[in-house]
């Protein structure tokens, strides 16, 4: 089975691609049947012989996904990276919440009176004790 695919040329960071017709299981740099054009990603240059392309598609050659993305860019919309931003914002928020919780626990460990006053039941108990202490002080003074 023949496929229309990209054959890489050039240096690593200066790639260009030949658009070729080759057997589907052939090596990337192996022999090919026909040369249809080229694509240079650095300059976004795409040149394809449309007549040859139509002839090979008519004869049964299949277009690979890479070549199809070049020929029909609307068919493959670019993915947005908003999810990554949301995840990082959530991570920052959770880290901030963790820091707040840590500082509260450190304060309660350092000041036991703060720990007692944090729950509403403990507040009521401390108020009752203070009222009882005031009453005993007033009775002793009499």
N, C-alpha and C. Protein backbone atom coordinates (compact mmCIF):
# COMPACT_ATOMS: atom_id res chain seq x y z
N UNK A 1 0.85 -1.17 0.00
CA UNK A 1 0.00 0.00 0.00
C UNK A 1 0.89 1.24 0.00
N UNK A 2 0.54 2.19 -0.81
CA UNK A 2 1.31 3.43 -0.91
C UNK A 2 0.69 4.50 -0.02
N UNK A 3 1.57 5.32 0.56
CA UNK A 3 1.13 6.44 1.39
C UNK A 3 1.85 7.71 0.97
N UNK A 4 1.15 8.82 1.13
CA UNK A 4 1.75 10.13 0.88
C UNK A 4 2.19 10.65 2.23
N UNK A 5 3.50 10.79 2.43
CA UNK A 5 4.01 11.14 3.75
C UNK A 5 5.16 12.12 3.69
N UNK A 6 5.59 12.55 4.88
CA UNK A 6 6.67 13.53 5.01
C UNK A 6 8.00 12.82 5.19
N UNK A 7 9.01 13.27 4.45
CA UNK A 7 10.37 12.75 4.59
C UNK A 7 11.24 13.89 5.10
N UNK A 8 11.81 13.77 6.32
CA UNK A 8 12.60 14.88 6.89
C UNK A 8 13.93 15.06 6.17
N UNK A 9 14.31 16.32 5.99
CA UNK A 9 15.60 16.71 5.40
C UNK A 9 16.22 17.78 6.27
N UNK A 10 17.52 18.01 6.14
CA UNK A 10 18.17 19.13 6.79
C UNK A 10 18.69 18.81 8.18
N UNK A 11 19.20 19.86 8.82
CA UNK A 11 19.76 19.72 10.16
C UNK A 11 18.64 19.58 11.19
N UNK A 12 19.00 19.28 12.42
CA UNK A 12 18.01 19.02 13.46
C UNK A 12 17.13 20.23 13.72
N UNK A 13 17.70 21.40 13.87
CA UNK A 13 16.91 22.60 14.17
C UNK A 13 16.58 23.42 12.92
N UNK A 14 16.92 22.87 11.75
CA UNK A 14 16.59 23.54 10.49
C UNK A 14 15.91 22.55 9.56
N UNK A 15 14.90 21.88 10.07
CA UNK A 15 14.22 20.84 9.33
C UNK A 15 13.43 21.39 8.15
N UNK A 16 13.39 20.60 7.11
CA UNK A 16 12.45 20.79 6.01
C UNK A 16 11.98 19.39 5.65
N UNK A 17 10.84 19.28 5.01
CA UNK A 17 10.26 17.99 4.71
C UNK A 17 9.92 17.89 3.23
N UNK A 18 10.23 16.74 2.65
CA UNK A 18 9.81 16.43 1.29
C UNK A 18 8.49 15.67 1.42
N UNK A 19 7.52 16.00 0.58
CA UNK A 19 6.26 15.27 0.56
C UNK A 19 6.39 14.24 -0.56
N UNK A 20 6.37 12.96 -0.15
CA UNK A 20 6.68 11.88 -1.09
C UNK A 20 5.57 10.83 -1.10
N UNK A 21 5.61 9.98 -2.12
CA UNK A 21 4.77 8.79 -2.19
C UNK A 21 5.70 7.61 -2.00
N UNK A 22 5.43 6.80 -0.97
CA UNK A 22 6.30 5.66 -0.66
C UNK A 22 5.46 4.54 -0.05
N UNK A 23 5.97 3.31 -0.08
CA UNK A 23 5.25 2.23 0.60
C UNK A 23 5.10 2.55 2.08
N UNK A 24 3.97 2.13 2.67
CA UNK A 24 3.67 2.53 4.05
C UNK A 24 4.66 1.98 5.05
N UNK A 25 5.31 0.86 4.78
CA UNK A 25 6.25 0.28 5.74
C UNK A 25 7.71 0.56 5.38
N UNK A 26 7.94 1.50 4.49
CA UNK A 26 9.31 1.80 4.10
C UNK A 26 9.99 2.67 5.16
N UNK A 27 11.30 2.69 5.13
CA UNK A 27 12.08 3.50 6.06
C UNK A 27 11.84 4.98 5.78
N UNK A 28 12.08 5.80 6.80
CA UNK A 28 11.85 7.23 6.66
C UNK A 28 12.74 7.81 5.57
N UNK A 29 13.99 7.42 5.56
CA UNK A 29 14.92 7.94 4.56
C UNK A 29 15.16 6.95 3.43
N UNK A 30 14.25 5.98 3.27
CA UNK A 30 14.41 4.97 2.23
C UNK A 30 13.99 5.47 0.86
N UNK A 31 13.93 4.53 -0.08
CA UNK A 31 13.53 4.87 -1.44
C UNK A 31 12.06 5.26 -1.48
N UNK A 32 11.70 6.11 -2.44
CA UNK A 32 10.31 6.51 -2.60
C UNK A 32 9.93 6.45 -4.07
N UNK A 33 8.64 6.44 -4.31
CA UNK A 33 8.12 6.29 -5.67
C UNK A 33 8.09 7.63 -6.40
N UNK A 34 7.56 8.68 -5.74
CA UNK A 34 7.42 9.97 -6.40
C UNK A 34 7.57 11.09 -5.39
N UNK A 35 8.04 12.23 -5.86
CA UNK A 35 8.22 13.42 -5.03
C UNK A 35 7.15 14.43 -5.42
N UNK A 36 6.32 14.83 -4.44
CA UNK A 36 5.20 15.73 -4.74
C UNK A 36 5.47 17.19 -4.39
N UNK A 37 6.38 17.47 -3.48
CA UNK A 37 6.65 18.85 -3.09
C UNK A 37 7.46 18.91 -1.81
N UNK A 38 7.39 20.07 -1.13
CA UNK A 38 8.15 20.23 0.11
C UNK A 38 7.40 21.12 1.08
N UNK A 39 7.81 21.06 2.36
CA UNK A 39 7.27 21.91 3.42
C UNK A 39 8.43 22.34 4.30
N UNK A 40 8.52 23.65 4.56
CA UNK A 40 9.54 24.19 5.46
C UNK A 40 8.84 24.85 6.64
N UNK A 41 8.90 24.26 7.84
CA UNK A 41 8.19 24.82 8.99
C UNK A 41 8.73 26.17 9.46
N UNK A 42 10.02 26.44 9.28
CA UNK A 42 10.59 27.71 9.73
C UNK A 42 9.98 28.89 9.00
N UNK A 43 9.77 28.75 7.70
CA UNK A 43 9.19 29.83 6.91
C UNK A 43 7.72 29.58 6.57
N UNK A 44 7.18 28.45 7.02
CA UNK A 44 5.79 28.06 6.75
C UNK A 44 5.53 27.97 5.25
N UNK A 45 6.53 27.52 4.50
CA UNK A 45 6.40 27.38 3.05
C UNK A 45 5.90 25.99 2.71
N UNK A 46 4.83 25.92 1.94
CA UNK A 46 4.27 24.65 1.50
C UNK A 46 4.08 24.69 0.00
N UNK A 47 4.72 23.76 -0.71
CA UNK A 47 4.57 23.71 -2.15
C UNK A 47 4.30 22.26 -2.54
N UNK A 48 3.14 22.02 -3.16
CA UNK A 48 2.75 20.68 -3.57
C UNK A 48 2.25 20.73 -5.01
N UNK A 49 2.62 19.74 -5.78
CA UNK A 49 2.10 19.61 -7.14
C UNK A 49 0.72 18.96 -7.03
N UNK A 50 -0.33 19.77 -7.19
CA UNK A 50 -1.71 19.31 -6.98
C UNK A 50 -2.12 18.23 -7.99
N UNK A 51 -1.62 18.32 -9.21
CA UNK A 51 -1.97 17.32 -10.22
C UNK A 51 -1.44 15.95 -9.85
N UNK A 52 -0.17 15.91 -9.41
CA UNK A 52 0.42 14.63 -8.99
C UNK A 52 -0.29 14.09 -7.76
N UNK A 53 -0.62 14.98 -6.83
CA UNK A 53 -1.33 14.56 -5.61
C UNK A 53 -2.67 13.93 -5.97
N UNK A 54 -3.44 14.58 -6.82
CA UNK A 54 -4.74 14.04 -7.23
C UNK A 54 -4.58 12.70 -7.94
N UNK A 55 -3.55 12.58 -8.79
CA UNK A 55 -3.31 11.33 -9.51
C UNK A 55 -3.03 10.18 -8.55
N UNK A 56 -2.17 10.43 -7.53
CA UNK A 56 -1.82 9.37 -6.60
C UNK A 56 -2.98 9.01 -5.66
N UNK A 57 -3.77 9.99 -5.27
CA UNK A 57 -4.95 9.71 -4.44
C UNK A 57 -5.96 8.90 -5.25
N UNK A 58 -6.11 9.23 -6.53
CA UNK A 58 -7.02 8.49 -7.41
C UNK A 58 -6.55 7.05 -7.59
N UNK A 59 -5.23 6.84 -7.62
CA UNK A 59 -4.67 5.50 -7.80
C UNK A 59 -4.65 4.69 -6.50
N UNK A 60 -5.06 5.29 -5.37
CA UNK A 60 -5.19 4.52 -4.13
C UNK A 60 -4.18 4.85 -3.05
N UNK A 61 -3.34 5.83 -3.25
CA UNK A 61 -2.39 6.21 -2.20
C UNK A 61 -3.15 6.93 -1.08
N UNK A 62 -2.82 6.59 0.16
CA UNK A 62 -3.48 7.21 1.31
C UNK A 62 -2.62 8.33 1.87
N UNK A 63 -3.28 9.39 2.30
CA UNK A 63 -2.58 10.54 2.86
C UNK A 63 -2.38 10.30 4.36
N UNK A 64 -1.15 10.48 4.85
CA UNK A 64 -0.90 10.32 6.28
C UNK A 64 -1.42 11.53 7.05
N UNK A 65 -1.49 11.39 8.36
CA UNK A 65 -2.05 12.45 9.20
C UNK A 65 -1.21 13.73 9.13
N UNK A 66 0.11 13.60 9.08
CA UNK A 66 0.97 14.78 9.02
C UNK A 66 0.74 15.60 7.76
N UNK A 67 0.62 14.93 6.63
CA UNK A 67 0.38 15.63 5.37
C UNK A 67 -1.04 16.19 5.36
N UNK A 68 -1.99 15.44 5.92
CA UNK A 68 -3.37 15.90 5.97
C UNK A 68 -3.49 17.16 6.83
N UNK A 69 -2.71 17.25 7.90
CA UNK A 69 -2.72 18.45 8.73
C UNK A 69 -2.21 19.66 7.95
N UNK A 70 -1.26 19.44 7.04
CA UNK A 70 -0.75 20.54 6.22
C UNK A 70 -1.76 20.96 5.15
N UNK A 71 -2.44 19.98 4.57
CA UNK A 71 -3.39 20.27 3.49
C UNK A 71 -4.71 20.82 4.02
N UNK A 72 -5.16 20.35 5.18
CA UNK A 72 -6.45 20.75 5.76
C UNK A 72 -6.26 21.21 7.20
N UNK A 73 -5.70 22.39 7.43
CA UNK A 73 -5.46 22.83 8.82
C UNK A 73 -6.75 23.08 9.61
N UNK A 74 -7.87 23.39 8.92
CA UNK A 74 -9.13 23.62 9.62
C UNK A 74 -9.70 22.33 10.19
N UNK A 75 -9.32 21.22 9.62
CA UNK A 75 -9.81 19.92 10.07
C UNK A 75 -9.22 19.54 11.43
N UNK A 76 -8.05 20.08 11.74
CA UNK A 76 -7.35 19.80 12.99
C UNK A 76 -7.15 21.10 13.76
N UNK A 77 -8.13 21.53 14.57
CA UNK A 77 -7.97 22.79 15.31
C UNK A 77 -6.90 22.65 16.39
N UNK A 78 -6.23 23.76 16.68
CA UNK A 78 -5.19 23.77 17.71
C UNK A 78 -5.83 23.67 19.08
N UNK A 79 -5.21 22.92 19.96
CA UNK A 79 -5.72 22.79 21.32
C UNK A 79 -5.29 23.98 22.15
N UNK A 80 -6.22 24.48 22.95
CA UNK A 80 -5.90 25.60 23.82
C UNK A 80 -5.30 25.08 25.11
N UNK A 81 -4.45 25.88 25.73
CA UNK A 81 -3.76 25.47 26.95
C UNK A 81 -4.35 26.14 28.18
N UNK A 82 -5.64 26.46 28.15
CA UNK A 82 -6.28 27.09 29.30
C UNK A 82 -6.33 26.15 30.50
N UNK A 83 -6.46 24.87 30.26
CA UNK A 83 -6.55 23.91 31.37
C UNK A 83 -5.29 23.93 32.21
N UNK A 84 -4.16 24.09 31.59
CA UNK A 84 -2.90 24.14 32.33
C UNK A 84 -2.88 25.35 33.24
N UNK A 85 -3.37 26.48 32.76
CA UNK A 85 -3.40 27.71 33.56
C UNK A 85 -4.34 27.52 34.74
N UNK A 86 -5.51 26.91 34.50
CA UNK A 86 -6.47 26.69 35.58
C UNK A 86 -5.88 25.77 36.63
N UNK A 87 -5.19 24.72 36.19
CA UNK A 87 -4.60 23.78 37.14
C UNK A 87 -3.55 24.48 38.01
N UNK A 88 -2.73 25.34 37.39
CA UNK A 88 -1.71 26.02 38.17
C UNK A 88 -2.34 27.00 39.15
N UNK A 89 -3.43 27.67 38.73
CA UNK A 89 -4.11 28.58 39.65
C UNK A 89 -4.69 27.83 40.82
N UNK A 90 -5.29 26.66 40.55
CA UNK A 90 -5.85 25.85 41.63
C UNK A 90 -4.75 25.37 42.57
N UNK A 91 -3.62 25.00 42.00
CA UNK A 91 -2.50 24.54 42.82
C UNK A 91 -2.00 25.67 43.72
N UNK A 92 -1.94 26.87 43.19
CA UNK A 92 -1.49 28.03 43.98
C UNK A 92 -2.48 28.30 45.11
N UNK A 93 -3.78 28.21 44.80
CA UNK A 93 -4.80 28.45 45.82
C UNK A 93 -4.72 27.40 46.92
N UNK A 94 -4.55 26.14 46.56
CA UNK A 94 -4.48 25.10 47.58
C UNK A 94 -3.22 25.25 48.43
N UNK A 95 -2.12 25.65 47.81
CA UNK A 95 -0.90 25.87 48.57
C UNK A 95 -1.09 27.02 49.56
N UNK A 96 -1.78 28.07 49.13
CA UNK A 96 -2.03 29.21 50.01
C UNK A 96 -2.92 28.78 51.18
N UNK A 97 -3.93 27.98 50.90
CA UNK A 97 -4.81 27.49 51.95
C UNK A 97 -4.04 26.61 52.94
N UNK A 98 -3.14 25.77 52.41
CA UNK A 98 -2.34 24.91 53.28
C UNK A 98 -1.45 25.75 54.20
N UNK A 99 -0.89 26.83 53.65
CA UNK A 99 -0.03 27.69 54.47
C UNK A 99 -0.84 28.35 55.57
N UNK A 100 -2.06 28.77 55.26
CA UNK A 100 -2.91 29.39 56.27
C UNK A 100 -3.23 28.40 57.38
N UNK A 101 -3.55 27.17 57.00
CA UNK A 101 -3.85 26.14 57.99
C UNK A 101 -2.62 25.85 58.86
N UNK A 102 -1.44 25.81 58.23
CA UNK A 102 -0.21 25.55 58.97
C UNK A 102 0.06 26.66 59.97
N UNK A 103 -0.14 27.91 59.57
CA UNK A 103 0.13 29.02 60.49
C UNK A 103 -0.86 28.98 61.66
N UNK A 104 -2.10 28.59 61.40
CA UNK A 104 -3.08 28.50 62.49
C UNK A 104 -2.70 27.39 63.47
N UNK A 105 -2.24 26.28 62.95
CA UNK A 105 -1.85 25.19 63.84
C UNK A 105 -0.60 25.56 64.64
N UNK A 106 0.32 26.30 64.02
CA UNK A 106 1.50 26.74 64.75
C UNK A 106 1.12 27.71 65.87
N UNK A 107 0.17 28.59 65.60
CA UNK A 107 -0.28 29.54 66.62
C UNK A 107 -0.94 28.82 67.78
N UNK A 108 -1.73 27.81 67.47
CA UNK A 108 -2.41 27.07 68.53
C UNK A 108 -1.42 26.26 69.35
N UNK A 109 -0.36 25.76 68.71
CA UNK A 109 0.66 25.01 69.44
C UNK A 109 1.47 25.95 70.35
N UNK A 110 1.70 27.17 69.91
CA UNK A 110 2.49 28.11 70.70
C UNK A 110 1.66 28.73 71.82
N UNK A 111 0.40 29.04 71.58
CA UNK A 111 -0.46 29.68 72.56
C UNK A 111 -1.65 28.77 72.87
N UNK A 112 -1.63 28.03 73.97
CA UNK A 112 -2.75 27.15 74.27
C UNK A 112 -4.03 27.91 74.56
N UNK A 113 -3.93 29.16 75.02
CA UNK A 113 -5.14 29.94 75.27
C UNK A 113 -5.88 30.23 73.96
N UNK A 114 -5.12 30.39 72.85
CA UNK A 114 -5.73 30.62 71.55
C UNK A 114 -6.47 29.35 71.12
N UNK A 115 -5.88 28.20 71.40
CA UNK A 115 -6.50 26.94 71.03
C UNK A 115 -7.80 26.74 71.79
N UNK A 116 -7.83 27.14 73.07
CA UNK A 116 -9.04 26.98 73.85
C UNK A 116 -10.13 27.90 73.36
N UNK A 117 -9.79 29.08 72.94
CA UNK A 117 -10.79 30.07 72.54
C UNK A 117 -11.30 29.86 71.12
N UNK A 118 -10.74 28.92 70.40
CA UNK A 118 -11.16 28.76 69.01
C UNK A 118 -12.52 28.11 68.87
N UNK A 119 -12.87 27.13 69.69
CA UNK A 119 -14.18 26.50 69.53
C UNK A 119 -15.22 27.25 70.36
N UNK A 120 -16.49 27.31 69.91
CA UNK A 120 -17.52 28.07 70.63
C UNK A 120 -17.84 27.50 72.01
N UNK A 121 -17.78 26.18 72.16
CA UNK A 121 -18.07 25.58 73.47
C UNK A 121 -16.99 25.96 74.48
N UNK A 122 -15.75 25.98 74.01
CA UNK A 122 -14.65 26.36 74.90
C UNK A 122 -14.77 27.82 75.31
N UNK A 123 -15.25 28.67 74.42
CA UNK A 123 -15.43 30.08 74.74
C UNK A 123 -16.43 30.25 75.88
N UNK A 124 -17.52 29.49 75.80
CA UNK A 124 -18.54 29.58 76.84
C UNK A 124 -17.99 29.10 78.19
N UNK A 125 -17.22 28.03 78.15
CA UNK A 125 -16.64 27.51 79.39
C UNK A 125 -15.68 28.51 80.02
N UNK A 126 -14.85 29.14 79.19
CA UNK A 126 -13.89 30.11 79.73
C UNK A 126 -14.63 31.33 80.30
N UNK A 127 -15.71 31.74 79.66
CA UNK A 127 -16.48 32.87 80.18
C UNK A 127 -17.10 32.52 81.53
N UNK A 128 -17.62 31.30 81.67
CA UNK A 128 -18.21 30.87 82.94
C UNK A 128 -17.16 30.84 84.03
N UNK A 129 -15.97 30.35 83.69
CA UNK A 129 -14.89 30.30 84.68
C UNK A 129 -14.49 31.70 85.12
N UNK A 130 -14.43 32.63 84.17
CA UNK A 130 -14.07 34.00 84.51
C UNK A 130 -15.13 34.63 85.41
N UNK A 131 -16.41 34.38 85.13
CA UNK A 131 -17.49 34.92 85.96
C UNK A 131 -17.41 34.33 87.36
N UNK A 132 -17.13 33.03 87.45
CA UNK A 132 -17.02 32.37 88.75
C UNK A 132 -15.85 32.94 89.54
N UNK A 133 -14.72 33.22 88.87
CA UNK A 133 -13.56 33.79 89.53
C UNK A 133 -13.87 35.19 90.05
N UNK A 134 -14.59 35.97 89.27
CA UNK A 134 -14.97 37.32 89.69
C UNK A 134 -15.86 37.25 90.93
N UNK A 135 -16.82 36.31 90.95
CA UNK A 135 -17.73 36.16 92.09
C UNK A 135 -16.97 35.78 93.35
N UNK A 136 -16.04 34.85 93.21
CA UNK A 136 -15.26 34.42 94.39
C UNK A 136 -14.40 35.55 94.89
N UNK A 137 -13.86 36.37 94.00
CA UNK A 137 -13.03 37.50 94.43
C UNK A 137 -13.89 38.53 95.17
N UNK A 138 -15.08 38.77 94.70
CA UNK A 138 -15.95 39.74 95.36
C UNK A 138 -16.41 39.21 96.73
N UNK A 139 -16.66 37.90 96.85
CA UNK A 139 -17.09 37.33 98.14
C UNK A 139 -15.93 37.36 99.14
N UNK A 140 -14.70 37.12 98.65
CA UNK A 140 -13.56 37.13 99.55
C UNK A 140 -13.27 38.55 100.05
N UNK A 141 -13.55 39.53 99.23
CA UNK A 141 -13.29 40.89 99.63
C UNK A 141 -14.28 41.37 100.70
N UNK A 142 -15.43 40.75 100.82
CA UNK A 142 -16.44 41.15 101.80
C UNK A 142 -16.05 40.64 103.13
